[in-house]
Amino acid sequence: MQLTDARAGDVAGSPDRPARRAAVLGHPIGHSKSPALHRAAYASLGFDCSYEAIDLTEPEVAGLIAEIRAAGAGTPDWAGLSVTMPLKTALVSQMDEVSALVRRLGVLNTVVVSRGGDGAVRLTGHNTDVAGIVGALRHAGAPAHAGAVILGAGGTAAAAVAALAELGAASAILCLRQPDKAAGLVELAAGFGLPCQVLPLQQAAGCLEAADVVVSTLPPRAADPLAEELAQHDAGTGQAGAGRVLLDVAYDPWPSRIASVWQDRGGTIVAGIEMLIYQAVEQVRLFSGPVFRDAAAVTNVMCDAVGVPRR
């Protein structure tokens, strides 16, 4: 994975070459909306920074980090990295320091790159997914003291546990394909004081019937069978889901099948792109430092960039 800029003769900070650079890492990455969001935010702030998408697999992580640490004079300084699947756990061990939240969750989605007084590159890991989930659910009017359901068991599910605890959820049911692998999430929930129960994903439809808030962290289309089962349960029930909120972190295709069924039953649906916007605002804050201002304005230019109604 070579990150060397082909325009080696350009000077960092010149009109042809930004002073800073940032990127989103993941695999696959071609669908990512992060470049559109970050570029719009940087333009609004006057932050001289490029932003690219880098397709990266877990075995390639160490090599990329080594290149970032070795970047020398004459190249744009790295500002930060956005991190998506499947790298949210793999990058934790590469950090010089992590936030308290990353230590608790064991996953990150943000890396801030800085230089010490000796010029050495320093990497600090953060997690803004929690802020993204909280912001998206609050904007949707998620009820307080909710009975919640989380679908899935990956790094985003861990962020969902923390977010629901922050929102004051009364309890959570964790539905995953392999319940025997839920021990870490159960321990995490206990640490946040969030009572939880673990069930196999095959039993999730019944849980959704009574849920106030649902966060699906499953990959695109993975919840389709569950959606069909829920649709059959709801035949003829009209507004069974009125006042309830479902956040599907997958945003392509949208609406997802489970979102469509939820909306048909009278519930409120939230696309993953809204979570992405709220977490990206926090990333931009971390990457741009003192030039960051007016989070609401940054949020709105991001909404414009991806065709989402302004907040």
C-alpha atoms as a PDB file:
ATOM      1  CA  MET A   1       0.000   0.000   0.000  1.00  0.00           C
ATOM      2  CA  GLN A   2       1.881   3.026  -1.276  1.00  0.00           C
ATOM      3  CA  LEU A   3       0.651   6.409  -0.071  1.00  0.00           C
ATOM      4  CA  THR A   4       3.291   8.514  -1.801  1.00  0.00           C
ATOM      5  CA  ASP A   5       1.712  11.404  -3.719  1.00  0.00           C
ATOM      6  CA  ALA A   6       2.522  11.113  -7.416  1.00  0.00           C
ATOM      7  CA  ARG A   7       3.043  14.881  -7.664  1.00  0.00           C
ATOM      8  CA  ALA A   8       6.338  14.742  -5.818  1.00  0.00           C
ATOM      9  CA  GLY A   9       7.404  18.123  -7.101  1.00  0.00           C
ATOM     10  CA  ASP A  10       4.438  19.949  -5.595  1.00  0.00           C
ATOM     11  CA  VAL A  11       4.894  21.891  -2.381  1.00  0.00           C
ATOM     12  CA  ALA A  12       2.627  21.097   0.555  1.00  0.00           C
ATOM     13  CA  GLY A  13       0.203  23.945   1.068  1.00  0.00           C
ATOM     14  CA  SER A  14       0.466  25.207  -2.537  1.00  0.00           C
ATOM     15  CA  PRO A  15      -2.708  25.700  -4.615  1.00  0.00           C
ATOM     16  CA  ASP A  16      -2.087  22.298  -6.225  1.00  0.00           C
ATOM     17  CA  ARG A  17      -1.380  20.424  -3.044  1.00  0.00           C
ATOM     18  CA  PRO A  18      -3.191  20.738   0.290  1.00  0.00           C
ATOM     19  CA  ALA A  19      -1.156  21.242   3.446  1.00  0.00           C
ATOM     20  CA  ARG A  20      -2.838  18.314   5.194  1.00  0.00           C
ATOM     21  CA  ARG A  21      -4.357  15.000   4.184  1.00  0.00           C
ATOM     22  CA  ALA A  22      -6.898  12.592   5.629  1.00  0.00           C
ATOM     23  CA  ALA A  23      -8.602   9.407   4.480  1.00  0.00           C
ATOM     24  CA  VAL A  24     -11.205   6.780   5.227  1.00  0.00           C
ATOM     25  CA  LEU A  25      -9.936   3.210   5.487  1.00  0.00           C
ATOM     26  CA  GLY A  26     -11.938   0.035   4.993  1.00  0.00           C
ATOM     27  CA  HIS A  27     -12.758  -2.896   2.730  1.00  0.00           C
ATOM     28  CA  PRO A  28     -14.739  -2.547   0.566  1.00  0.00           C
ATOM     29  CA  ILE A  29     -14.681   1.245   0.528  1.00  0.00           C
ATOM     30  CA  GLY A  30     -16.019   2.357  -2.848  1.00  0.00           C
ATOM     31  CA  HIS A  31     -19.511   2.995  -1.454  1.00  0.00           C
ATOM     32  CA  SER A  32     -18.311   5.315   1.322  1.00  0.00           C
ATOM     33  CA  LYS A  33     -19.954   8.734   1.673  1.00  0.00           C
ATOM     34  CA  SER A  34     -17.184   9.949   3.989  1.00  0.00           C
ATOM     35  CA  PRO A  35     -15.182  11.739   1.253  1.00  0.00           C
ATOM     36  CA  ALA A  36     -18.221  13.830   0.278  1.00  0.00           C
ATOM     37  CA  LEU A  37     -18.943  14.685   3.912  1.00  0.00           C
ATOM     38  CA  HIS A  38     -15.399  15.608   4.904  1.00  0.00           C
ATOM     39  CA  ARG A  39     -14.589  17.568   1.758  1.00  0.00           C
ATOM     40  CA  ALA A  40     -17.737  19.668   2.183  1.00  0.00           C
ATOM     41  CA  ALA A  41     -16.876  20.340   5.827  1.00  0.00           C
ATOM     42  CA  TYR A  42     -13.250  21.255   5.067  1.00  0.00           C
ATOM     43  CA  ALA A  43     -14.329  23.673   2.337  1.00  0.00           C
ATOM     44  CA  SER A  44     -16.762  25.402   4.683  1.00  0.00           C
ATOM     45  CA  LEU A  45     -14.097  25.738   7.374  1.00  0.00           C
ATOM     46  CA  GLY A  46     -11.263  26.767   5.059  1.00  0.00           C
ATOM     47  CA  PHE A  47      -9.315  23.735   6.294  1.00  0.00           C
ATOM     48  CA  ASP A  48      -6.591  23.021   3.718  1.00  0.00           C
ATOM     49  CA  CYS A  49      -6.828  19.239   3.705  1.00  0.00           C
ATOM     50  CA  SER A  50      -7.467  16.544   1.117  1.00  0.00           C
ATOM     51  CA  TYR A  51      -9.582  13.479   1.878  1.00  0.00           C
ATOM     52  CA  GLU A  52      -9.492  10.173   0.030  1.00  0.00           C
ATOM     53  CA  ALA A  53     -10.863   6.647   0.317  1.00  0.00           C
ATOM     54  CA  ILE A  54      -8.289   3.861   0.725  1.00  0.00           C
ATOM     55  CA  ASP A  55      -9.308   0.244   0.284  1.00  0.00           C
ATOM     56  CA  LEU A  56      -7.402  -1.585   3.004  1.00  0.00           C
ATOM     57  CA  THR A  57      -7.598  -5.109   4.403  1.00  0.00           C
ATOM     58  CA  GLU A  58      -6.472  -6.207   7.863  1.00  0.00           C
ATOM     59  CA  PRO A  59      -3.135  -7.698   6.690  1.00  0.00           C
ATOM     60  CA  GLU A  60      -2.272  -4.327   5.119  1.00  0.00           C
ATOM     61  CA  VAL A  61      -2.841  -2.241   8.263  1.00  0.00           C
ATOM     62  CA  ALA A  62       0.690  -2.437   9.677  1.00  0.00           C
ATOM     63  CA  GLY A  63       2.250  -1.407   6.366  1.00  0.00           C
ATOM     64  CA  LEU A  64       0.035   1.641   5.998  1.00  0.00           C
ATOM     65  CA  ILE A  65       0.693   2.778   9.558  1.00  0.00           C
ATOM     66  CA  ALA A  66       4.431   2.382   8.990  1.00  0.00           C
ATOM     67  CA  GLU A  67       4.184   4.623   5.910  1.00  0.00           C
ATOM     68  CA  ILE A  68       2.267   7.271   7.844  1.00  0.00           C
ATOM     69  CA  ARG A  69       4.883   7.257  10.603  1.00  0.00           C
ATOM     70  CA  ALA A  70       7.697   7.501   8.043  1.00  0.00           C
ATOM     71  CA  ALA A  71       6.195  10.400   6.070  1.00  0.00           C
ATOM     72  CA  GLY A  72       8.902  13.014   5.714  1.00  0.00           C
ATOM     73  CA  ALA A  73       9.312  16.693   4.945  1.00  0.00           C
ATOM     74  CA  GLY A  74       7.794  17.961   1.709  1.00  0.00           C
ATOM     75  CA  THR A  75       4.722  15.761   1.927  1.00  0.00           C
ATOM     76  CA  PRO A  76       1.387  16.865   3.383  1.00  0.00           C
ATOM     77  CA  ASP A  77       1.098  16.139   7.091  1.00  0.00           C
ATOM     78  CA  TRP A  78      -1.588  13.634   7.944  1.00  0.00           C
ATOM     79  CA  ALA A  79      -4.480  15.084   9.960  1.00  0.00           C
ATOM     80  CA  GLY A  80      -6.368  11.875  10.603  1.00  0.00           C
ATOM     81  CA  LEU A  81      -8.055   8.691   9.488  1.00  0.00           C
ATOM     82  CA  SER A  82     -11.668   7.609   9.487  1.00  0.00           C
ATOM     83  CA  VAL A  83     -11.933   3.854  10.032  1.00  0.00           C
ATOM     84  CA  THR A  84     -14.717   1.524   8.953  1.00  0.00           C
ATOM     85  CA  MET A  85     -15.217  -2.216   8.692  1.00  0.00           C
ATOM     86  CA  PRO A  86     -13.351  -4.479   9.059  1.00  0.00           C
ATOM     87  CA  LEU A  87     -10.584  -2.419  10.672  1.00  0.00           C
ATOM     88  CA  LYS A  88     -12.128  -0.921  13.810  1.00  0.00           C
ATOM     89  CA  THR A  89     -10.478  -3.476  16.083  1.00  0.00           C
ATOM     90  CA  ALA A  90      -7.318  -4.086  14.057  1.00  0.00           C
ATOM     91  CA  LEU A  91      -6.117  -0.489  14.353  1.00  0.00           C
ATOM     92  CA  VAL A  92      -6.393  -0.264  18.135  1.00  0.00           C
ATOM     93  CA  SER A  93      -3.058  -2.019  18.697  1.00  0.00           C
ATOM     94  CA  GLN A  94      -1.342   0.409  16.308  1.00  0.00           C
ATOM     95  CA  MET A  95      -2.115   3.471  18.423  1.00  0.00           C
ATOM     96  CA  ASP A  96       0.242   5.341  20.721  1.00  0.00           C
ATOM     97  CA  GLU A  97      -2.720   6.343  22.834  1.00  0.00           C
ATOM     98  CA  VAL A  98      -6.468   5.732  22.859  1.00  0.00           C
ATOM     99  CA  SER A  99      -9.349   7.593  24.459  1.00  0.00           C
ATOM    100  CA  ALA A 100     -11.095   6.262  27.552  1.00  0.00           C
ATOM    101  CA  LEU A 101     -14.081   5.326  25.392  1.00  0.00           C
ATOM    102  CA  VAL A 102     -11.934   3.259  23.022  1.00  0.00           C
ATOM    103  CA  ARG A 103     -10.415   1.472  26.005  1.00  0.00           C
ATOM    104  CA  ARG A 104     -13.909   0.529  27.167  1.00  0.00           C
ATOM    105  CA  LEU A 105     -15.278  -0.468  23.775  1.00  0.00           C
ATOM    106  CA  GLY A 106     -12.176  -2.088  22.314  1.00  0.00           C
ATOM    107  CA  VAL A 107     -12.889  -0.481  18.931  1.00  0.00           C
ATOM    108  CA  LEU A 108     -12.117   2.833  17.256  1.00  0.00           C
ATOM    109  CA  ASN A 109     -13.334   4.605  14.156  1.00  0.00           C
ATOM    110  CA  THR A 110     -11.098   7.675  14.243  1.00  0.00           C
ATOM    111  CA  VAL A 111      -7.334   8.213  14.323  1.00  0.00           C
ATOM    112  CA  VAL A 112      -5.857  11.660  14.973  1.00  0.00           C
ATOM    113  CA  VAL A 113      -2.345  12.090  13.570  1.00  0.00           C
ATOM    114  CA  SER A 114      -0.035  14.639  15.192  1.00  0.00           C
ATOM    115  CA  ARG A 115       3.663  15.343  15.582  1.00  0.00           C
ATOM    116  CA  GLY A 116       5.514  15.704  18.873  1.00  0.00           C
ATOM    117  CA  GLY A 117       8.195  18.248  19.610  1.00  0.00           C
ATOM    118  CA  ASP A 118      10.777  15.821  18.244  1.00  0.00           C
ATOM    119  CA  GLY A 119       8.889  15.551  14.950  1.00  0.00           C
ATOM    120  CA  ALA A 120       7.797  11.979  15.580  1.00  0.00           C
ATOM    121  CA  VAL A 121       4.317  11.039  14.388  1.00  0.00           C
ATOM    122  CA  ARG A 122       1.846  10.227  17.149  1.00  0.00           C
ATOM    123  CA  LEU A 123      -1.424   8.334  16.615  1.00  0.00           C
ATOM    124  CA  THR A 124      -4.392   8.694  18.955  1.00  0.00           C
ATOM    125  CA  GLY A 125      -7.496   6.525  18.644  1.00  0.00           C
ATOM    126  CA  HIS A 126     -11.028   7.812  19.247  1.00  0.00           C
ATOM    127  CA  ASN A 127     -14.563   6.516  18.811  1.00  0.00           C
ATOM    128  CA  THR A 128     -17.120   8.937  17.362  1.00  0.00           C
ATOM    129  CA  ASP A 129     -19.628   6.210  16.430  1.00  0.00           C
ATOM    130  CA  VAL A 130     -21.236   6.603  19.851  1.00  0.00           C
ATOM    131  CA  ALA A 131     -21.821  10.311  19.230  1.00  0.00           C
ATOM    132  CA  GLY A 132     -23.164   9.433  15.787  1.00  0.00           C
ATOM    133  CA  ILE A 133     -25.746   6.998  17.150  1.00  0.00           C
ATOM    134  CA  VAL A 134     -26.758   9.348  19.960  1.00  0.00           C
ATOM    135  CA  GLY A 135     -27.185  12.265  17.554  1.00  0.00           C
ATOM    136  CA  ALA A 136     -29.188  10.273  15.018  1.00  0.00           C
ATOM    137  CA  LEU A 137     -31.538   8.773  17.609  1.00  0.00           C
ATOM    138  CA  ARG A 138     -32.064  12.076  19.407  1.00  0.00           C
ATOM    139  CA  HIS A 139     -32.880  13.837  16.157  1.00  0.00           C
ATOM    140  CA  ALA A 140     -35.427  11.107  15.394  1.00  0.00           C
ATOM    141  CA  GLY A 141     -37.118  11.617  18.765  1.00  0.00           C
ATOM    142  CA  ALA A 142     -36.164   8.300  20.334  1.00  0.00           C
ATOM    143  CA  PRO A 143     -38.076   7.950  23.624  1.00  0.00           C
ATOM    144  CA  ALA A 144     -36.384   8.150  27.012  1.00  0.00           C
ATOM    145  CA  HIS A 145     -36.163   5.030  29.190  1.00  0.00           C
ATOM    146  CA  ALA A 146     -36.569   2.908  26.075  1.00  0.00           C
ATOM    147  CA  GLY A 147     -36.630  -0.824  25.819  1.00  0.00           C
ATOM    148  CA  ALA A 148     -34.041  -1.329  23.087  1.00  0.00           C
ATOM    149  CA  VAL A 149     -32.916  -4.076  20.720  1.00  0.00           C
ATOM    150  CA  ILE A 150     -29.483  -4.266  19.088  1.00  0.00           C
ATOM    151  CA  LEU A 151     -29.092  -6.490  16.028  1.00  0.00           C
ATOM    152  CA  GLY A 152     -25.552  -7.725  15.460  1.00  0.00           C
ATOM    153  CA  ALA A 153     -22.406  -8.109  17.504  1.00  0.00           C
ATOM    154  CA  GLY A 154     -19.533  -6.193  15.905  1.00  0.00           C
ATOM    155  CA  GLY A 155     -17.776  -2.964  16.759  1.00  0.00           C
ATOM    156  CA  THR A 156     -20.810  -0.855  15.908  1.00  0.00           C
ATOM    157  CA  ALA A 157     -22.908  -2.966  18.270  1.00  0.00           C
ATOM    158  CA  ALA A 158     -20.485  -2.052  21.050  1.00  0.00           C
ATOM    159  CA  ALA A 159     -20.928   1.618  20.161  1.00  0.00           C
ATOM    160  CA  ALA A 160     -24.702   1.104  20.212  1.00  0.00           C
ATOM    161  CA  VAL A 161     -24.514  -0.258  23.762  1.00  0.00           C
ATOM    162  CA  ALA A 162     -22.661   2.862  24.914  1.00  0.00           C
ATOM    163  CA  ALA A 163     -25.021   5.164  23.001  1.00  0.00           C
ATOM    164  CA  LEU A 164     -28.160   3.578  24.443  1.00  0.00           C
ATOM    165  CA  ALA A 165     -26.709   3.847  27.923  1.00  0.00           C
ATOM    166  CA  GLU A 166     -25.988   7.543  27.303  1.00  0.00           C
ATOM    167  CA  LEU A 167     -29.569   8.035  26.126  1.00  0.00           C
ATOM    168  CA  GLY A 168     -30.894   6.450  29.316  1.00  0.00           C
ATOM    169  CA  ALA A 169     -32.328   3.249  27.857  1.00  0.00           C
ATOM    170  CA  ALA A 170     -34.038   1.064  30.431  1.00  0.00           C
ATOM    171  CA  SER A 171     -32.761  -2.204  28.970  1.00  0.00           C
ATOM    172  CA  ALA A 172     -31.374  -3.811  25.829  1.00  0.00           C
ATOM    173  CA  ILE A 173     -31.780  -7.141  24.089  1.00  0.00           C
ATOM    174  CA  LEU A 174     -28.773  -8.233  22.064  1.00  0.00           C
ATOM    175  CA  CYS A 175     -29.761 -10.399  19.081  1.00  0.00           C
ATOM    176  CA  LEU A 176     -26.914 -12.081  17.243  1.00  0.00           C
ATOM    177  CA  ARG A 177     -26.251 -15.153  15.162  1.00  0.00           C
ATOM    178  CA  GLN A 178     -23.916 -16.701  17.733  1.00  0.00           C
ATOM    179  CA  PRO A 179     -25.141 -15.825  21.249  1.00  0.00           C
ATOM    180  CA  ASP A 180     -22.166 -17.610  22.801  1.00  0.00           C
ATOM    181  CA  LYS A 181     -19.981 -14.777  21.472  1.00  0.00           C
ATOM    182  CA  ALA A 182     -21.894 -12.055  23.316  1.00  0.00           C
ATOM    183  CA  ALA A 183     -19.883 -12.158  26.562  1.00  0.00           C
ATOM    184  CA  GLY A 184     -17.911  -9.029  25.718  1.00  0.00           C
ATOM    185  CA  LEU A 185     -21.023  -7.025  24.890  1.00  0.00           C
ATOM    186  CA  VAL A 186     -22.770  -8.230  28.039  1.00  0.00           C
ATOM    187  CA  GLU A 187     -19.794  -7.176  30.149  1.00  0.00           C
ATOM    188  CA  LEU A 188     -19.694  -3.823  28.377  1.00  0.00           C
ATOM    189  CA  ALA A 189     -23.394  -3.232  29.016  1.00  0.00           C
ATOM    190  CA  ALA A 190     -22.987  -4.122  32.669  1.00  0.00           C
ATOM    191  CA  GLY A 191     -20.184  -1.586  32.952  1.00  0.00           C
ATOM    192  CA  PHE A 192     -22.523   1.088  31.631  1.00  0.00           C
ATOM    193  CA  GLY A 193     -25.302  -0.019  33.984  1.00  0.00           C
ATOM    194  CA  LEU A 194     -27.496  -1.166  31.095  1.00  0.00           C
ATOM    195  CA  PRO A 195     -29.447  -4.377  31.855  1.00  0.00           C
ATOM    196  CA  CYS A 196     -29.304  -6.684  28.853  1.00  0.00           C
ATOM    197  CA  GLN A 197     -30.461 -10.040  27.588  1.00  0.00           C
ATOM    198  CA  VAL A 198     -28.959 -12.140  24.799  1.00  0.00           C
ATOM    199  CA  LEU A 199     -31.036 -13.989  22.217  1.00  0.00           C
ATOM    200  CA  PRO A 200     -30.295 -15.701  18.907  1.00  0.00           C
ATOM    201  CA  LEU A 201     -31.038 -13.592  15.852  1.00  0.00           C
ATOM    202  CA  GLN A 202     -33.734 -16.097  14.852  1.00  0.00           C
ATOM    203  CA  GLN A 203     -35.841 -14.908  17.797  1.00  0.00           C
ATOM    204  CA  ALA A 204     -35.442 -11.213  17.078  1.00  0.00           C
ATOM    205  CA  ALA A 205     -38.805 -10.656  15.366  1.00  0.00           C
ATOM    206  CA  GLY A 206     -40.684 -11.231  18.597  1.00  0.00           C
ATOM    207  CA  CYS A 207     -38.396  -8.777  20.416  1.00  0.00           C
ATOM    208  CA  LEU A 208     -38.957  -6.101  17.799  1.00  0.00           C
ATOM    209  CA  GLU A 209     -42.692  -6.252  18.440  1.00  0.00           C
ATOM    210  CA  ALA A 210     -42.193  -4.661  21.864  1.00  0.00           C
ATOM    211  CA  ALA A 211     -39.073  -2.556  21.245  1.00  0.00           C
ATOM    212  CA  ASP A 212     -39.124   1.230  21.590  1.00  0.00           C
ATOM    213  CA  VAL A 213     -35.762   1.612  19.853  1.00  0.00           C
ATOM    214  CA  VAL A 214     -33.948  -0.755  17.497  1.00  0.00           C
ATOM    215  CA  VAL A 215     -30.379  -0.347  16.255  1.00  0.00           C
ATOM    216  CA  SER A 216     -29.481  -2.709  13.429  1.00  0.00           C
ATOM    217  CA  THR A 217     -25.728  -3.027  12.969  1.00  0.00           C
ATOM    218  CA  LEU A 218     -26.070  -5.859  10.453  1.00  0.00           C
ATOM    219  CA  PRO A 219     -24.502  -5.618   6.978  1.00  0.00           C
ATOM    220  CA  PRO A 220     -26.670  -4.488   4.049  1.00  0.00           C
ATOM    221  CA  ARG A 221     -29.552  -6.923   3.334  1.00  0.00           C
ATOM    222  CA  ALA A 222     -28.571  -9.198   6.232  1.00  0.00           C
ATOM    223  CA  ALA A 223     -31.760  -8.212   8.071  1.00  0.00           C
ATOM    224  CA  ASP A 224     -34.037  -8.950   5.090  1.00  0.00           C
ATOM    225  CA  PRO A 225     -35.229 -12.353   6.388  1.00  0.00           C
ATOM    226  CA  LEU A 226     -36.011 -10.788   9.756  1.00  0.00           C
ATOM    227  CA  ALA A 227     -37.940  -8.026   7.987  1.00  0.00           C
ATOM    228  CA  GLU A 228     -40.098 -10.550   6.155  1.00  0.00           C
ATOM    229  CA  GLU A 229     -40.879 -12.343   9.399  1.00  0.00           C
ATOM    230  CA  LEU A 230     -41.758  -9.059  11.065  1.00  0.00           C
ATOM    231  CA  ALA A 231     -44.021  -8.121   8.147  1.00  0.00           C
ATOM    232  CA  GLN A 232     -45.929 -11.385   8.566  1.00  0.00           C
ATOM    233  CA  HIS A 233     -46.316 -10.803  12.290  1.00  0.00           C
ATOM    234  CA  ASP A 234     -47.671  -7.332  11.610  1.00  0.00           C
ATOM    235  CA  ALA A 235     -50.219  -8.227   8.953  1.00  0.00           C
ATOM    236  CA  GLY A 236     -53.313  -6.183   9.650  1.00  0.00           C
ATOM    237  CA  THR A 237     -52.030  -4.514  12.823  1.00  0.00           C
ATOM    238  CA  GLY A 238     -51.848  -1.001  11.368  1.00  0.00           C
ATOM    239  CA  GLN A 239     -49.889   1.345  13.619  1.00  0.00           C
ATOM    240  CA  ALA A 240     -48.184  -1.285  15.756  1.00  0.00           C
ATOM    241  CA  GLY A 241     -44.888   0.592  15.657  1.00  0.00           C
ATOM    242  CA  ALA A 242     -46.141   4.153  16.162  1.00  0.00           C
ATOM    243  CA  GLY A 243     -43.715   6.255  18.232  1.00  0.00           C
ATOM    244  CA  ARG A 244     -40.913   3.730  17.915  1.00  0.00           C
ATOM    245  CA  VAL A 245     -37.563   4.313  16.223  1.00  0.00           C
ATOM    246  CA  LEU A 246     -35.358   2.059  14.111  1.00  0.00           C
ATOM    247  CA  LEU A 247     -31.820   3.063  13.126  1.00  0.00           C
ATOM    248  CA  ASP A 248     -30.305   0.896  10.402  1.00  0.00           C
ATOM    249  CA  VAL A 249     -26.607   1.729  10.216  1.00  0.00           C
ATOM    250  CA  ALA A 250     -26.489   0.346   6.676  1.00  0.00           C
ATOM    251  CA  TYR A 251     -27.479   3.096   4.233  1.00  0.00           C
ATOM    252  CA  ASP A 252     -27.218   1.414   0.837  1.00  0.00           C
ATOM    253  CA  PRO A 253     -29.763   0.406  -0.353  1.00  0.00           C
ATOM    254  CA  TRP A 254     -32.125   2.812   1.382  1.00  0.00           C
ATOM    255  CA  PRO A 255     -34.685   2.292   2.574  1.00  0.00           C
ATOM    256  CA  SER A 256     -33.574  -1.180   3.565  1.00  0.00           C
ATOM    257  CA  ARG A 257     -36.195  -3.893   3.706  1.00  0.00           C
ATOM    258  CA  ILE A 258     -36.336  -3.827   7.494  1.00  0.00           C
ATOM    259  CA  ALA A 259     -36.675  -0.027   7.435  1.00  0.00           C
ATOM    260  CA  SER A 260     -39.541  -0.252   4.947  1.00  0.00           C
ATOM    261  CA  VAL A 261     -41.386  -2.781   7.102  1.00  0.00           C
ATOM    262  CA  TRP A 262     -40.807  -0.672  10.221  1.00  0.00           C
ATOM    263  CA  GLN A 263     -42.138   2.417   8.491  1.00  0.00           C
ATOM    264  CA  ASP A 264     -45.158   0.495   7.163  1.00  0.00           C
ATOM    265  CA  ARG A 265     -46.047  -0.380  10.747  1.00  0.00           C
ATOM    266  CA  GLY A 266     -46.039   3.315  11.680  1.00  0.00           C
ATOM    267  CA  GLY A 267     -42.558   3.582  13.156  1.00  0.00           C
ATOM    268  CA  THR A 268     -39.847   6.176  12.561  1.00  0.00           C
ATOM    269  CA  ILE A 269     -36.838   5.094  10.502  1.00  0.00           C
ATOM    270  CA  VAL A 270     -33.335   6.553  10.562  1.00  0.00           C
ATOM    271  CA  ALA A 271     -30.784   5.818   7.847  1.00  0.00           C
ATOM    272  CA  GLY A 272     -27.189   5.040   8.645  1.00  0.00           C
ATOM    273  CA  ILE A 273     -26.177   8.111   6.647  1.00  0.00           C
ATOM    274  CA  GLU A 274     -27.548  10.251   9.497  1.00  0.00           C
ATOM    275  CA  MET A 275     -25.383   8.442  12.026  1.00  0.00           C
ATOM    276  CA  LEU A 276     -22.477   8.876   9.595  1.00  0.00           C
ATOM    277  CA  ILE A 277     -23.034  12.629   9.456  1.00  0.00           C
ATOM    278  CA  TYR A 278     -23.142  13.084  13.224  1.00  0.00           C
ATOM    279  CA  GLN A 279     -20.016  11.000  13.806  1.00  0.00           C
ATOM    280  CA  ALA A 280     -18.214  12.770  10.949  1.00  0.00           C
ATOM    281  CA  VAL A 281     -18.823  16.162  12.556  1.00  0.00           C
ATOM    282  CA  GLU A 282     -16.862  14.945  15.573  1.00  0.00           C
ATOM    283  CA  GLN A 283     -14.115  13.598  13.323  1.00  0.00           C
ATOM    284  CA  VAL A 284     -13.810  16.946  11.560  1.00  0.00           C
ATOM    285  CA  ARG A 285     -13.598  18.639  14.964  1.00  0.00           C
ATOM    286  CA  LEU A 286     -10.711  16.355  15.912  1.00  0.00           C
ATOM    287  CA  PHE A 287      -8.889  16.639  12.570  1.00  0.00           C
ATOM    288  CA  SER A 288      -9.205  20.400  12.045  1.00  0.00           C
ATOM    289  CA  GLY A 289      -8.487  21.533  15.594  1.00  0.00           C
ATOM    290  CA  PRO A 290      -8.604  25.315  16.166  1.00  0.00           C
ATOM    291  CA  VAL A 291     -10.220  26.130  12.809  1.00  0.00           C
ATOM    292  CA  PHE A 292     -13.357  24.175  13.752  1.00  0.00           C
ATOM    293  CA  ARG A 293     -16.367  26.338  14.513  1.00  0.00           C
ATOM    294  CA  ASP A 294     -20.147  26.174  14.459  1.00  0.00           C
ATOM    295  CA  ALA A 295     -20.955  22.462  14.586  1.00  0.00           C
ATOM    296  CA  ALA A 296     -24.500  23.136  13.370  1.00  0.00           C
ATOM    297  CA  ALA A 297     -23.235  24.836  10.209  1.00  0.00           C
ATOM    298  CA  VAL A 298     -20.788  21.993   9.545  1.00  0.00           C
ATOM    299  CA  THR A 299     -23.598  19.482  10.016  1.00  0.00           C
ATOM    300  CA  ASN A 300     -25.754  21.296   7.492  1.00  0.00           C
ATOM    301  CA  VAL A 301     -23.106  21.517   4.763  1.00  0.00           C
ATOM    302  CA  MET A 302     -22.559  17.776   5.208  1.00  0.00           C
ATOM    303  CA  CYS A 303     -26.306  17.185   4.850  1.00  0.00           C
ATOM    304  CA  ASP A 304     -26.262  19.221   1.641  1.00  0.00           C
ATOM    305  CA  ALA A 305     -23.329  17.191   0.304  1.00  0.00           C
ATOM    306  CA  VAL A 306     -25.252  13.897   0.488  1.00  0.00           C
ATOM    307  CA  GLY A 307     -28.799  15.121  -0.090  1.00  0.00           C
ATOM    308  CA  VAL A 308     -30.064  14.756   3.471  1.00  0.00           C
ATOM    309  CA  PRO A 309     -32.488  17.397   4.857  1.00  0.00           C
ATOM    310  CA  ARG A 310     -30.743  19.999   6.983  1.00  0.00           C
ATOM    311  CA  ARG A 311     -30.956  19.689  10.736  1.00  0.00           C
END
